[in-house]
Amino acid sequence: MQRCRQHKLEKVMGYLPEHLKDQTKAAMRAAFRLPAKEGMARLEKQAEWQEREYPSAAASLREGLAEMFTTSRLGLSPSLSRCLVSTNVIESAHSGVCLRTRRVCRWRDGKMVLRWAAAALPVTEDNFRRIMGYRDSWMLKAALGRKQVSLQQEVAYYEPSRRSPPTAPGTPSLGVPDKTMQAILRHSNLSTTMNSYVKSVPEDAIAAMRSLEAICTPCAPQ
């Protein structure tokens, strides 16, 4: 998840006096342009300076700090990152819905609200423009693909417990329910997760592999 940097700036500025706002804002914006690790270190240092006299500002700055640099860690282009580090894309759609429903004076129930919102969004979509850096959107797709593969590798293999048969729900060794794995891997049905991405190994094969590892470990080169 990527937090909106503009909202973070506004929130931190709300806890600071006027004479410190410009300096802090410039420091934060400079940190946002740095690589993730270095930028987080700069903002943490900034929070340490403010912690004594303005603890609320320091706490606000530290809140979700890692999520301020998600696009930096993904290695996206500057133009695409500039678009994704704010909520302007979402707020633009919301603004279009508000514009097209502004004359409705009486909302009878929640379903009516949903109907109008659903009707207003396609009309608003006609005015959408391409986002900044849209030519680099393949970089985002590739980065998310790498994250997906790493998650699949993390949960794809487990050893069945001696107390639970392989068909029992959940992954005993990881303690992860089957439905949770399905949500992580974003599969539409549970059978895809269990049949294609989760491998159960018979207990006798596991015991044999452990015995073989015990025999081979002393012979491994140092």
C-alpha atoms as a PDB file:
ATOM      1  CA  MET A   1       0.000   0.000   0.000  1.00  0.00           C
ATOM      2  CA  GLN A   2       1.166   3.527  -0.824  1.00  0.00           C
ATOM      3  CA  ARG A   3       0.044   6.336   1.489  1.00  0.00           C
ATOM      4  CA  CYS A   4      -0.772   9.762   0.105  1.00  0.00           C
ATOM      5  CA  ARG A   5       2.246  11.980   0.678  1.00  0.00           C
ATOM      6  CA  GLN A   6       0.271  15.202   0.334  1.00  0.00           C
ATOM      7  CA  HIS A   7      -2.110  14.187   3.107  1.00  0.00           C
ATOM      8  CA  LYS A   8       0.872  13.222   5.256  1.00  0.00           C
ATOM      9  CA  LEU A   9       2.382  16.684   4.742  1.00  0.00           C
ATOM     10  CA  GLU A  10      -0.876  18.386   5.693  1.00  0.00           C
ATOM     11  CA  LYS A  11      -1.329  16.228   8.769  1.00  0.00           C
ATOM     12  CA  VAL A  12       2.188  16.838  10.086  1.00  0.00           C
ATOM     13  CA  MET A  13       1.943  20.574   9.373  1.00  0.00           C
ATOM     14  CA  GLY A  14      -1.200  20.708  11.502  1.00  0.00           C
ATOM     15  CA  TYR A  15       0.855  19.931  14.619  1.00  0.00           C
ATOM     16  CA  LEU A  16       3.633  22.462  13.988  1.00  0.00           C
ATOM     17  CA  PRO A  17       3.868  26.239  14.523  1.00  0.00           C
ATOM     18  CA  GLU A  18       4.032  28.528  11.510  1.00  0.00           C
ATOM     19  CA  HIS A  19       7.774  29.207  11.701  1.00  0.00           C
ATOM     20  CA  LEU A  20       8.611  25.491  11.359  1.00  0.00           C
ATOM     21  CA  LYS A  21       6.160  24.493   8.655  1.00  0.00           C
ATOM     22  CA  ASP A  22       8.152  25.546   5.588  1.00  0.00           C
ATOM     23  CA  GLN A  23      11.377  24.000   6.866  1.00  0.00           C
ATOM     24  CA  THR A  24       9.735  20.702   7.772  1.00  0.00           C
ATOM     25  CA  LYS A  25       7.795  20.551   4.526  1.00  0.00           C
ATOM     26  CA  ALA A  26      10.969  21.079   2.483  1.00  0.00           C
ATOM     27  CA  ALA A  27      12.778  18.369   4.491  1.00  0.00           C
ATOM     28  CA  MET A  28       9.961  15.882   3.976  1.00  0.00           C
ATOM     29  CA  ARG A  29       9.727  16.525   0.249  1.00  0.00           C
ATOM     30  CA  ALA A  30      13.477  16.115  -0.088  1.00  0.00           C
ATOM     31  CA  ALA A  31      13.293  12.802   1.777  1.00  0.00           C
ATOM     32  CA  PHE A  32      10.519  11.573  -0.522  1.00  0.00           C
ATOM     33  CA  ARG A  33      12.861  11.976  -3.498  1.00  0.00           C
ATOM     34  CA  LEU A  34      15.491   9.705  -1.950  1.00  0.00           C
ATOM     35  CA  PRO A  35      15.646   5.893  -2.139  1.00  0.00           C
ATOM     36  CA  ALA A  36      13.343   4.165   0.327  1.00  0.00           C
ATOM     37  CA  LYS A  37      15.904   3.219   2.967  1.00  0.00           C
ATOM     38  CA  GLU A  38      17.677   6.575   2.967  1.00  0.00           C
ATOM     39  CA  GLY A  39      14.439   8.554   2.845  1.00  0.00           C
ATOM     40  CA  MET A  40      12.970   6.676   5.815  1.00  0.00           C
ATOM     41  CA  ALA A  41      16.161   7.314   7.790  1.00  0.00           C
ATOM     42  CA  ARG A  42      15.933  11.055   7.056  1.00  0.00           C
ATOM     43  CA  LEU A  43      12.310  11.232   8.166  1.00  0.00           C
ATOM     44  CA  GLU A  44      13.062   9.239  11.302  1.00  0.00           C
ATOM     45  CA  LYS A  45      15.805  11.740  12.117  1.00  0.00           C
ATOM     46  CA  GLN A  46      13.330  14.556  11.525  1.00  0.00           C
ATOM     47  CA  ALA A  47      10.890  12.906  13.934  1.00  0.00           C
ATOM     48  CA  GLU A  48      13.611  12.627  16.584  1.00  0.00           C
ATOM     49  CA  TRP A  49      14.254  16.370  16.364  1.00  0.00           C
ATOM     50  CA  GLN A  50      10.567  17.140  16.822  1.00  0.00           C
ATOM     51  CA  GLU A  51       9.790  14.518  19.440  1.00  0.00           C
ATOM     52  CA  ARG A  52      10.633  16.612  22.501  1.00  0.00           C
ATOM     53  CA  GLU A  53       8.747  19.829  21.710  1.00  0.00           C
ATOM     54  CA  TYR A  54       6.174  18.540  19.207  1.00  0.00           C
ATOM     55  CA  PRO A  55       5.486  14.871  20.025  1.00  0.00           C
ATOM     56  CA  SER A  56       2.225  14.797  18.063  1.00  0.00           C
ATOM     57  CA  ALA A  57       4.019  15.910  14.900  1.00  0.00           C
ATOM     58  CA  ALA A  58       6.715  13.266  15.444  1.00  0.00           C
ATOM     59  CA  ALA A  59       4.103  10.533  15.994  1.00  0.00           C
ATOM     60  CA  SER A  60       2.225  11.605  12.875  1.00  0.00           C
ATOM     61  CA  LEU A  61       5.439  11.544  10.855  1.00  0.00           C
ATOM     62  CA  ARG A  62       6.308   8.024  12.017  1.00  0.00           C
ATOM     63  CA  GLU A  63       2.814   6.654  11.375  1.00  0.00           C
ATOM     64  CA  GLY A  64       2.878   4.473   8.258  1.00  0.00           C
ATOM     65  CA  LEU A  65       6.411   5.637   7.458  1.00  0.00           C
ATOM     66  CA  ALA A  66       7.318   2.549   5.436  1.00  0.00           C
ATOM     67  CA  GLU A  67       4.133   2.883   3.394  1.00  0.00           C
ATOM     68  CA  MET A  68       5.218   6.334   2.234  1.00  0.00           C
ATOM     69  CA  PHE A  69       7.963   4.713   0.128  1.00  0.00           C
ATOM     70  CA  THR A  70       6.132   1.786  -1.479  1.00  0.00           C
ATOM     71  CA  THR A  71       6.565   3.137  -5.015  1.00  0.00           C
ATOM     72  CA  SER A  72      10.255   3.767  -4.321  1.00  0.00           C
ATOM     73  CA  ARG A  73      10.800   0.164  -3.232  1.00  0.00           C
ATOM     74  CA  LEU A  74       8.997  -1.100  -6.337  1.00  0.00           C
ATOM     75  CA  GLY A  75      11.458   0.778  -8.540  1.00  0.00           C
ATOM     76  CA  LEU A  76       8.876   2.692 -10.592  1.00  0.00           C
ATOM     77  CA  SER A  77       9.696   5.574 -12.908  1.00  0.00           C
ATOM     78  CA  PRO A  78       9.540   9.129 -11.470  1.00  0.00           C
ATOM     79  CA  SER A  79       6.553  10.097 -13.629  1.00  0.00           C
ATOM     80  CA  LEU A  80       4.495   7.058 -12.642  1.00  0.00           C
ATOM     81  CA  SER A  81       5.504   7.389  -8.984  1.00  0.00           C
ATOM     82  CA  ARG A  82       4.411  11.023  -8.983  1.00  0.00           C
ATOM     83  CA  CYS A  83       0.911   9.937  -9.947  1.00  0.00           C
ATOM     84  CA  LEU A  84       0.674   7.028  -7.512  1.00  0.00           C
ATOM     85  CA  VAL A  85       1.951   8.780  -4.369  1.00  0.00           C
ATOM     86  CA  SER A  86      -1.251  10.821  -4.031  1.00  0.00           C
ATOM     87  CA  THR A  87      -4.970  10.056  -3.965  1.00  0.00           C
ATOM     88  CA  ASN A  88      -5.737  12.422  -6.853  1.00  0.00           C
ATOM     89  CA  VAL A  89      -6.742   9.546  -9.137  1.00  0.00           C
ATOM     90  CA  ILE A  90      -9.361   8.320  -6.661  1.00  0.00           C
ATOM     91  CA  GLU A  91     -10.519  11.783  -5.646  1.00  0.00           C
ATOM     92  CA  SER A  92     -11.063  12.704  -9.282  1.00  0.00           C
ATOM     93  CA  ALA A  93     -13.606   9.904  -9.679  1.00  0.00           C
ATOM     94  CA  HIS A  94     -15.288  10.807  -6.390  1.00  0.00           C
ATOM     95  CA  SER A  95     -15.494  14.439  -7.442  1.00  0.00           C
ATOM     96  CA  GLY A  96     -17.170  13.424 -10.711  1.00  0.00           C
ATOM     97  CA  VAL A  97     -19.798  11.405  -8.841  1.00  0.00           C
ATOM     98  CA  CYS A  98     -20.495  14.313  -6.484  1.00  0.00           C
ATOM     99  CA  LEU A  99     -20.844  16.669  -9.439  1.00  0.00           C
ATOM    100  CA  ARG A 100     -23.414  14.471 -11.159  1.00  0.00           C
ATOM    101  CA  THR A 101     -25.465  13.802  -8.043  1.00  0.00           C
ATOM    102  CA  ARG A 102     -25.391  17.320  -6.600  1.00  0.00           C
ATOM    103  CA  ARG A 103     -29.014  18.059  -7.486  1.00  0.00           C
ATOM    104  CA  VAL A 104     -30.435  15.081  -5.642  1.00  0.00           C
ATOM    105  CA  CYS A 105     -32.083  16.545  -2.538  1.00  0.00           C
ATOM    106  CA  ARG A 106     -33.715  13.480  -1.054  1.00  0.00           C
ATOM    107  CA  TRP A 107     -31.901  10.196  -0.532  1.00  0.00           C
ATOM    108  CA  ARG A 108     -34.519   7.607   0.380  1.00  0.00           C
ATOM    109  CA  ASP A 109     -32.176   4.811   1.473  1.00  0.00           C
ATOM    110  CA  GLY A 110     -28.691   3.395   1.045  1.00  0.00           C
ATOM    111  CA  LYS A 111     -29.630   1.409  -2.053  1.00  0.00           C
ATOM    112  CA  MET A 112     -30.602   4.604  -3.818  1.00  0.00           C
ATOM    113  CA  VAL A 113     -27.165   6.033  -3.044  1.00  0.00           C
ATOM    114  CA  LEU A 114     -25.515   2.960  -4.528  1.00  0.00           C
ATOM    115  CA  ARG A 115     -27.673   3.111  -7.648  1.00  0.00           C
ATOM    116  CA  TRP A 116     -26.829   6.757  -8.290  1.00  0.00           C
ATOM    117  CA  ALA A 117     -23.138   6.208  -7.637  1.00  0.00           C
ATOM    118  CA  ALA A 118     -23.122   3.231 -10.005  1.00  0.00           C
ATOM    119  CA  ALA A 119     -24.876   5.293 -12.657  1.00  0.00           C
ATOM    120  CA  ALA A 120     -22.627   8.340 -12.217  1.00  0.00           C
ATOM    121  CA  LEU A 121     -19.298   6.514 -12.416  1.00  0.00           C
ATOM    122  CA  PRO A 122     -19.589   5.400 -16.077  1.00  0.00           C
ATOM    123  CA  VAL A 123     -20.535   8.960 -17.049  1.00  0.00           C
ATOM    124  CA  THR A 124     -17.567  10.283 -15.098  1.00  0.00           C
ATOM    125  CA  GLU A 125     -15.320   7.737 -16.801  1.00  0.00           C
ATOM    126  CA  ASP A 126     -15.911   9.434 -20.150  1.00  0.00           C
ATOM    127  CA  ASN A 127     -13.893  12.415 -18.897  1.00  0.00           C
ATOM    128  CA  PHE A 128     -10.965  10.412 -17.549  1.00  0.00           C
ATOM    129  CA  ARG A 129      -7.530  11.156 -18.955  1.00  0.00           C
ATOM    130  CA  ARG A 130      -4.433   9.041 -19.035  1.00  0.00           C
ATOM    131  CA  ILE A 131      -2.442   9.211 -15.841  1.00  0.00           C
ATOM    132  CA  MET A 132       1.068  10.598 -15.762  1.00  0.00           C
ATOM    133  CA  GLY A 133       3.608   7.943 -16.629  1.00  0.00           C
ATOM    134  CA  TYR A 134       1.040   5.604 -18.160  1.00  0.00           C
ATOM    135  CA  ARG A 135       3.684   4.402 -20.627  1.00  0.00           C
ATOM    136  CA  ASP A 136       5.610   2.995 -17.648  1.00  0.00           C
ATOM    137  CA  SER A 137       2.646   1.096 -16.189  1.00  0.00           C
ATOM    138  CA  TRP A 138       4.356  -2.133 -17.305  1.00  0.00           C
ATOM    139  CA  MET A 139       6.905  -1.484 -14.546  1.00  0.00           C
ATOM    140  CA  LEU A 140       4.161  -1.580 -11.920  1.00  0.00           C
ATOM    141  CA  LYS A 141       2.743  -4.769 -13.407  1.00  0.00           C
ATOM    142  CA  ALA A 142       6.171  -6.401 -13.388  1.00  0.00           C
ATOM    143  CA  ALA A 143       6.878  -5.306  -9.801  1.00  0.00           C
ATOM    144  CA  LEU A 144       3.545  -6.638  -8.554  1.00  0.00           C
ATOM    145  CA  GLY A 145       4.191  -9.846 -10.459  1.00  0.00           C
ATOM    146  CA  ARG A 146       7.465 -10.311  -8.588  1.00  0.00           C
ATOM    147  CA  LYS A 147       5.671  -9.790  -5.263  1.00  0.00           C
ATOM    148  CA  GLN A 148       3.021 -12.324  -6.304  1.00  0.00           C
ATOM    149  CA  VAL A 149       5.635 -14.934  -7.174  1.00  0.00           C
ATOM    150  CA  SER A 150       7.402 -14.445  -3.840  1.00  0.00           C
ATOM    151  CA  LEU A 151       4.122 -14.925  -1.964  1.00  0.00           C
ATOM    152  CA  GLN A 152       3.359 -18.056  -3.960  1.00  0.00           C
ATOM    153  CA  GLN A 153       6.765 -19.499  -3.183  1.00  0.00           C
ATOM    154  CA  GLU A 154       6.288 -18.703   0.507  1.00  0.00           C
ATOM    155  CA  VAL A 155       2.989 -20.550   0.946  1.00  0.00           C
ATOM    156  CA  ALA A 156       3.092 -23.129  -1.839  1.00  0.00           C
ATOM    157  CA  TYR A 157       4.843 -25.870   0.116  1.00  0.00           C
ATOM    158  CA  TYR A 158       4.072 -27.225   3.553  1.00  0.00           C
ATOM    159  CA  GLU A 159       4.396 -30.440   5.477  1.00  0.00           C
ATOM    160  CA  PRO A 160       1.193 -32.078   6.746  1.00  0.00           C
ATOM    161  CA  SER A 161       0.887 -32.454  10.496  1.00  0.00           C
ATOM    162  CA  ARG A 162       0.841 -35.896  12.099  1.00  0.00           C
ATOM    163  CA  ARG A 163      -2.376 -34.977  13.900  1.00  0.00           C
ATOM    164  CA  SER A 164      -4.202 -33.681  10.803  1.00  0.00           C
ATOM    165  CA  PRO A 165      -4.599 -35.429   7.451  1.00  0.00           C
ATOM    166  CA  PRO A 166      -3.552 -33.572   4.287  1.00  0.00           C
ATOM    167  CA  THR A 167      -7.210 -32.836   3.491  1.00  0.00           C
ATOM    168  CA  ALA A 168      -7.785 -30.962   6.757  1.00  0.00           C
ATOM    169  CA  PRO A 169      -8.380 -27.202   6.372  1.00  0.00           C
ATOM    170  CA  GLY A 170      -5.417 -24.930   6.935  1.00  0.00           C
ATOM    171  CA  THR A 171      -1.695 -25.386   6.603  1.00  0.00           C
ATOM    172  CA  PRO A 172      -0.562 -26.950   9.885  1.00  0.00           C
ATOM    173  CA  SER A 173       3.124 -26.059   9.710  1.00  0.00           C
ATOM    174  CA  LEU A 174       2.536 -22.419   8.735  1.00  0.00           C
ATOM    175  CA  GLY A 175      -0.674 -21.946  10.699  1.00  0.00           C
ATOM    176  CA  VAL A 176      -2.325 -20.281   7.687  1.00  0.00           C
ATOM    177  CA  PRO A 177      -5.967 -21.165   6.866  1.00  0.00           C
ATOM    178  CA  ASP A 178      -6.730 -22.232   3.323  1.00  0.00           C
ATOM    179  CA  LYS A 179      -9.039 -19.255   2.759  1.00  0.00           C
ATOM    180  CA  THR A 180      -6.282 -16.887   3.858  1.00  0.00           C
ATOM    181  CA  MET A 181      -3.891 -18.415   1.324  1.00  0.00           C
ATOM    182  CA  GLN A 182      -6.572 -18.056  -1.342  1.00  0.00           C
ATOM    183  CA  ALA A 183      -6.917 -14.349  -0.525  1.00  0.00           C
ATOM    184  CA  ILE A 184      -3.135 -13.795  -0.527  1.00  0.00           C
ATOM    185  CA  LEU A 185      -2.743 -15.468  -3.905  1.00  0.00           C
ATOM    186  CA  ARG A 186      -5.906 -13.754  -5.220  1.00  0.00           C
ATOM    187  CA  HIS A 187      -7.466 -16.916  -6.577  1.00  0.00           C
ATOM    188  CA  SER A 188     -11.158 -16.904  -7.480  1.00  0.00           C
ATOM    189  CA  ASN A 189     -11.772 -20.307  -5.930  1.00  0.00           C
ATOM    190  CA  LEU A 190     -10.138 -22.405  -3.246  1.00  0.00           C
ATOM    191  CA  SER A 191      -9.602 -25.447  -5.467  1.00  0.00           C
ATOM    192  CA  THR A 192      -7.081 -23.513  -7.562  1.00  0.00           C
ATOM    193  CA  THR A 193      -5.066 -22.717  -4.459  1.00  0.00           C
ATOM    194  CA  MET A 194      -5.130 -26.217  -3.014  1.00  0.00           C
ATOM    195  CA  ASN A 195      -4.704 -28.195  -6.252  1.00  0.00           C
ATOM    196  CA  SER A 196      -2.091 -26.080  -8.036  1.00  0.00           C
ATOM    197  CA  TYR A 197      -0.147 -24.132  -5.418  1.00  0.00           C
ATOM    198  CA  VAL A 198      -0.151 -26.273  -2.253  1.00  0.00           C
ATOM    199  CA  LYS A 199       1.774 -29.516  -2.264  1.00  0.00           C
ATOM    200  CA  SER A 200       1.331 -32.126   0.443  1.00  0.00           C
ATOM    201  CA  VAL A 201       4.022 -34.742   0.869  1.00  0.00           C
ATOM    202  CA  PRO A 202       3.422 -38.166   2.475  1.00  0.00           C
ATOM    203  CA  GLU A 203       4.841 -38.468   5.962  1.00  0.00           C
ATOM    204  CA  ASP A 204       7.066 -41.413   5.065  1.00  0.00           C
ATOM    205  CA  ALA A 205       8.696 -39.343   2.313  1.00  0.00           C
ATOM    206  CA  ILE A 206       9.270 -36.491   4.768  1.00  0.00           C
ATOM    207  CA  ALA A 207      10.865 -38.877   7.271  1.00  0.00           C
ATOM    208  CA  ALA A 208      13.110 -40.299   4.553  1.00  0.00           C
ATOM    209  CA  MET A 209      14.245 -36.847   3.467  1.00  0.00           C
ATOM    210  CA  ARG A 210      15.049 -35.860   7.052  1.00  0.00           C
ATOM    211  CA  SER A 211      17.112 -39.029   7.506  1.00  0.00           C
ATOM    212  CA  LEU A 212      18.978 -38.310   4.286  1.00  0.00           C
ATOM    213  CA  GLU A 213      19.667 -34.725   5.390  1.00  0.00           C
ATOM    214  CA  ALA A 214      21.026 -35.981   8.708  1.00  0.00           C
ATOM    215  CA  ILE A 215      23.401 -38.337   6.878  1.00  0.00           C
ATOM    216  CA  CYS A 216      24.575 -35.745   4.339  1.00  0.00           C
ATOM    217  CA  THR A 217      24.946 -32.765   6.659  1.00  0.00           C
ATOM    218  CA  PRO A 218      28.263 -33.874   8.251  1.00  0.00           C
ATOM    219  CA  CYS A 219      29.694 -34.397   4.743  1.00  0.00           C
ATOM    220  CA  ALA A 220      28.752 -30.932   3.524  1.00  0.00           C
ATOM    221  CA  PRO A 221      31.762 -28.672   2.721  1.00  0.00           C
ATOM    222  CA  GLN A 222      32.458 -25.946   5.258  1.00  0.00           C
END
